[in-house]
Amino acid sequence: QVQLVESGGGLVQAGGSARLSCVVSGGTSNTYAVMGWFHQAPGKERESVAAIRWSGGYTYVADSVKGRFSISRDSAKNTVYLQMNSLKPEDAGVYYCAVGFPQTMNRASEERSYDYWGQGTQVTVSS
């Protein structure tokens, strides 16, 4: 089965940057897969922040992080990244990586589109 392991979380000063990584293993390369990043702030519901089709070419970034966050992937390393710039205190929380096979990128922001999830990595933003 597909497994995902996130890393790169930690303490970051407001206005600073961080890059989260998600290494995917346990499955054969599939160009139809979509990788998504989700954020769950303390006491809040989990929300989609970005997604990318493994084959490239199509990405989604939530309005709340548009212009600050970007998603990319390195197929040779089976890794997807979430680059986070200009971090704000409200960006703090747990970030989860997920993989799924939505019919269209229009569904990439929906949790139900994802079948496999990582354990998450904590990001703390100091003000």
C-alpha atoms as a PDB file:
ATOM      1  CA  GLN A   1       0.000   0.000   0.000  1.00  0.00           C
ATOM      2  CA  VAL A   2       1.012   3.592  -0.523  1.00  0.00           C
ATOM      3  CA  GLN A   3       2.723   5.254   2.410  1.00  0.00           C
ATOM      4  CA  LEU A   4       3.523   8.906   2.932  1.00  0.00           C
ATOM      5  CA  VAL A   5       5.963  10.482   5.355  1.00  0.00           C
ATOM      6  CA  GLU A   6       6.032  14.230   5.917  1.00  0.00           C
ATOM      7  CA  SER A   7       8.995  16.187   7.189  1.00  0.00           C
ATOM      8  CA  GLY A   8      10.260  19.741   7.395  1.00  0.00           C
ATOM      9  CA  GLY A   9       8.028  21.064  10.130  1.00  0.00           C
ATOM     10  CA  GLY A  10       9.299  22.994  13.085  1.00  0.00           C
ATOM     11  CA  LEU A  11       9.444  26.418  14.639  1.00  0.00           C
ATOM     12  CA  VAL A  12       9.490  29.297  12.179  1.00  0.00           C
ATOM     13  CA  GLN A  13       9.378  33.011  12.847  1.00  0.00           C
ATOM     14  CA  ALA A  14       6.476  34.961  11.385  1.00  0.00           C
ATOM     15  CA  GLY A  15       7.487  36.209   7.969  1.00  0.00           C
ATOM     16  CA  GLY A  16       9.905  33.351   7.551  1.00  0.00           C
ATOM     17  CA  SER A  17       9.861  30.352   5.259  1.00  0.00           C
ATOM     18  CA  ALA A  18       9.798  26.591   5.448  1.00  0.00           C
ATOM     19  CA  ARG A  19       9.691  23.738   3.001  1.00  0.00           C
ATOM     20  CA  LEU A  20       7.736  20.619   3.797  1.00  0.00           C
ATOM     21  CA  SER A  21       8.521  17.337   2.105  1.00  0.00           C
ATOM     22  CA  CYS A  22       6.415  14.261   1.591  1.00  0.00           C
ATOM     23  CA  VAL A  23       8.092  11.067   0.489  1.00  0.00           C
ATOM     24  CA  VAL A  24       5.801   8.556  -1.168  1.00  0.00           C
ATOM     25  CA  SER A  25       6.570   4.856  -1.098  1.00  0.00           C
ATOM     26  CA  GLY A  26       4.936   1.466  -1.369  1.00  0.00           C
ATOM     27  CA  GLY A  27       3.386   1.946  -4.761  1.00  0.00           C
ATOM     28  CA  THR A  28       4.247   1.891  -8.410  1.00  0.00           C
ATOM     29  CA  SER A  29       4.652   5.220 -10.139  1.00  0.00           C
ATOM     30  CA  ASN A  30       1.272   6.468 -11.292  1.00  0.00           C
ATOM     31  CA  THR A  31       0.967   9.601 -13.374  1.00  0.00           C
ATOM     32  CA  TYR A  32      -2.741   9.851 -12.579  1.00  0.00           C
ATOM     33  CA  ALA A  33      -2.136  10.394  -8.871  1.00  0.00           C
ATOM     34  CA  VAL A  34      -2.788  13.743  -7.240  1.00  0.00           C
ATOM     35  CA  MET A  35      -0.777  14.832  -4.230  1.00  0.00           C
ATOM     36  CA  GLY A  36      -2.401  17.186  -1.788  1.00  0.00           C
ATOM     37  CA  TRP A  37      -1.342  19.188   1.230  1.00  0.00           C
ATOM     38  CA  PHE A  38      -3.835  19.844   4.012  1.00  0.00           C
ATOM     39  CA  HIS A  39      -3.578  22.119   7.010  1.00  0.00           C
ATOM     40  CA  GLN A  40      -5.274  21.730  10.359  1.00  0.00           C
ATOM     41  CA  ALA A  41      -4.952  24.627  12.749  1.00  0.00           C
ATOM     42  CA  PRO A  42      -5.589  24.007  16.453  1.00  0.00           C
ATOM     43  CA  GLY A  43      -9.308  23.662  17.057  1.00  0.00           C
ATOM     44  CA  LYS A  44     -10.081  24.050  13.373  1.00  0.00           C
ATOM     45  CA  GLU A  45     -11.187  21.698  10.647  1.00  0.00           C
ATOM     46  CA  ARG A  46      -8.698  20.348   8.176  1.00  0.00           C
ATOM     47  CA  GLU A  47      -8.493  22.312   4.965  1.00  0.00           C
ATOM     48  CA  SER A  48      -6.830  21.857   1.626  1.00  0.00           C
ATOM     49  CA  VAL A  49      -3.982  24.230   0.882  1.00  0.00           C
ATOM     50  CA  ALA A  50      -2.474  22.878  -2.329  1.00  0.00           C
ATOM     51  CA  ALA A  51      -2.484  19.973  -4.746  1.00  0.00           C
ATOM     52  CA  ILE A  52      -0.571  18.823  -7.793  1.00  0.00           C
ATOM     53  CA  ARG A  53      -0.997  16.069 -10.313  1.00  0.00           C
ATOM     54  CA  TRP A  54       2.010  13.770 -10.216  1.00  0.00           C
ATOM     55  CA  SER A  55       2.484  14.036 -13.941  1.00  0.00           C
ATOM     56  CA  GLY A  56       2.711  17.803 -13.543  1.00  0.00           C
ATOM     57  CA  GLY A  57       0.991  20.552 -15.423  1.00  0.00           C
ATOM     58  CA  TYR A  58      -1.907  21.122 -13.055  1.00  0.00           C
ATOM     59  CA  THR A  59      -1.779  22.661  -9.612  1.00  0.00           C
ATOM     60  CA  TYR A  60      -4.192  24.055  -7.081  1.00  0.00           C
ATOM     61  CA  VAL A  61      -3.442  26.544  -4.331  1.00  0.00           C
ATOM     62  CA  ALA A  62      -6.003  27.737  -1.819  1.00  0.00           C
ATOM     63  CA  ASP A  63      -6.871  31.414  -1.781  1.00  0.00           C
ATOM     64  CA  SER A  64      -5.779  31.656   1.834  1.00  0.00           C
ATOM     65  CA  VAL A  65      -2.177  30.881   0.905  1.00  0.00           C
ATOM     66  CA  LYS A  66      -2.049  32.019  -2.703  1.00  0.00           C
ATOM     67  CA  GLY A  67       1.041  34.062  -3.418  1.00  0.00           C
ATOM     68  CA  ARG A  68       2.818  32.658  -0.365  1.00  0.00           C
ATOM     69  CA  PHE A  69       2.711  28.884  -0.755  1.00  0.00           C
ATOM     70  CA  SER A  70       3.597  26.771  -3.744  1.00  0.00           C
ATOM     71  CA  ILE A  71       3.545  23.063  -4.446  1.00  0.00           C
ATOM     72  CA  SER A  72       5.980  21.063  -6.523  1.00  0.00           C
ATOM     73  CA  ARG A  73       7.168  17.524  -6.974  1.00  0.00           C
ATOM     74  CA  ASP A  74      10.349  15.671  -7.810  1.00  0.00           C
ATOM     75  CA  SER A  75       9.363  12.454  -9.515  1.00  0.00           C
ATOM     76  CA  ALA A  76      12.900  11.082  -9.343  1.00  0.00           C
ATOM     77  CA  LYS A  77      12.755  11.313  -5.549  1.00  0.00           C
ATOM     78  CA  ASN A  78       9.089  10.341  -5.221  1.00  0.00           C
ATOM     79  CA  THR A  79       8.673  13.514  -3.229  1.00  0.00           C
ATOM     80  CA  VAL A  80       6.194  16.361  -3.166  1.00  0.00           C
ATOM     81  CA  TYR A  81       7.045  19.690  -1.571  1.00  0.00           C
ATOM     82  CA  LEU A  82       5.138  22.537  -0.038  1.00  0.00           C
ATOM     83  CA  GLN A  83       7.142  25.738  -0.066  1.00  0.00           C
ATOM     84  CA  MET A  84       5.786  28.150   2.515  1.00  0.00           C
ATOM     85  CA  ASN A  85       6.881  31.774   2.464  1.00  0.00           C
ATOM     86  CA  SER A  86       5.818  34.817   4.454  1.00  0.00           C
ATOM     87  CA  LEU A  87       4.431  32.604   7.177  1.00  0.00           C
ATOM     88  CA  LYS A  88       1.727  33.978   9.423  1.00  0.00           C
ATOM     89  CA  PRO A  89       0.692  32.830  12.903  1.00  0.00           C
ATOM     90  CA  GLU A  90      -2.539  31.448  11.447  1.00  0.00           C
ATOM     91  CA  ASP A  91      -0.472  29.119   9.256  1.00  0.00           C
ATOM     92  CA  ALA A  92       0.560  27.179  12.345  1.00  0.00           C
ATOM     93  CA  GLY A  93      -0.740  23.683  12.832  1.00  0.00           C
ATOM     94  CA  VAL A  94      -0.325  20.218  11.430  1.00  0.00           C
ATOM     95  CA  TYR A  95       0.279  19.742   7.742  1.00  0.00           C
ATOM     96  CA  TYR A  96      -0.726  16.480   6.126  1.00  0.00           C
ATOM     97  CA  CYS A  97       0.283  15.017   2.812  1.00  0.00           C
ATOM     98  CA  ALA A  98      -2.195  12.856   0.949  1.00  0.00           C
ATOM     99  CA  VAL A  99      -2.488  10.990  -2.329  1.00  0.00           C
ATOM    100  CA  GLY A 100      -5.617  10.242  -4.274  1.00  0.00           C
ATOM    101  CA  PHE A 101      -7.103   9.853  -7.701  1.00  0.00           C
ATOM    102  CA  PRO A 102      -9.750  12.513  -8.179  1.00  0.00           C
ATOM    103  CA  GLN A 103     -11.501  12.527 -11.517  1.00  0.00           C
ATOM    104  CA  THR A 104     -10.569  16.151 -12.016  1.00  0.00           C
ATOM    105  CA  MET A 105      -8.481  18.793 -10.304  1.00  0.00           C
ATOM    106  CA  ASN A 106     -11.769  20.453  -9.429  1.00  0.00           C
ATOM    107  CA  ARG A 107     -12.073  17.770  -6.750  1.00  0.00           C
ATOM    108  CA  ALA A 108      -8.477  18.020  -5.560  1.00  0.00           C
ATOM    109  CA  SER A 109      -9.409  20.197  -2.579  1.00  0.00           C
ATOM    110  CA  GLU A 110     -11.864  17.632  -1.204  1.00  0.00           C
ATOM    111  CA  GLU A 111     -10.679  15.250   1.497  1.00  0.00           C
ATOM    112  CA  ARG A 112     -12.805  12.447   0.100  1.00  0.00           C
ATOM    113  CA  SER A 113     -10.681  12.499  -3.054  1.00  0.00           C
ATOM    114  CA  TYR A 114      -7.706  11.158  -1.124  1.00  0.00           C
ATOM    115  CA  ASP A 115      -7.126   7.548  -0.156  1.00  0.00           C
ATOM    116  CA  TYR A 116      -3.813   7.672   1.677  1.00  0.00           C
ATOM    117  CA  TRP A 117      -2.579  10.077   4.325  1.00  0.00           C
ATOM    118  CA  GLY A 118       0.637  10.753   6.150  1.00  0.00           C
ATOM    119  CA  GLN A 119       0.895  11.264   9.893  1.00  0.00           C
ATOM    120  CA  GLY A 120       1.457  14.987   9.528  1.00  0.00           C
ATOM    121  CA  THR A 121       4.204  17.390  10.471  1.00  0.00           C
ATOM    122  CA  GLN A 122       3.824  20.208  12.966  1.00  0.00           C
ATOM    123  CA  VAL A 123       4.554  23.786  11.976  1.00  0.00           C
ATOM    124  CA  THR A 124       4.785  26.399  14.692  1.00  0.00           C
ATOM    125  CA  VAL A 125       4.915  30.071  13.769  1.00  0.00           C
ATOM    126  CA  SER A 126       6.211  32.482  16.361  1.00  0.00           C
ATOM    127  CA  SER A 127       4.932  36.036  16.350  1.00  0.00           C
END
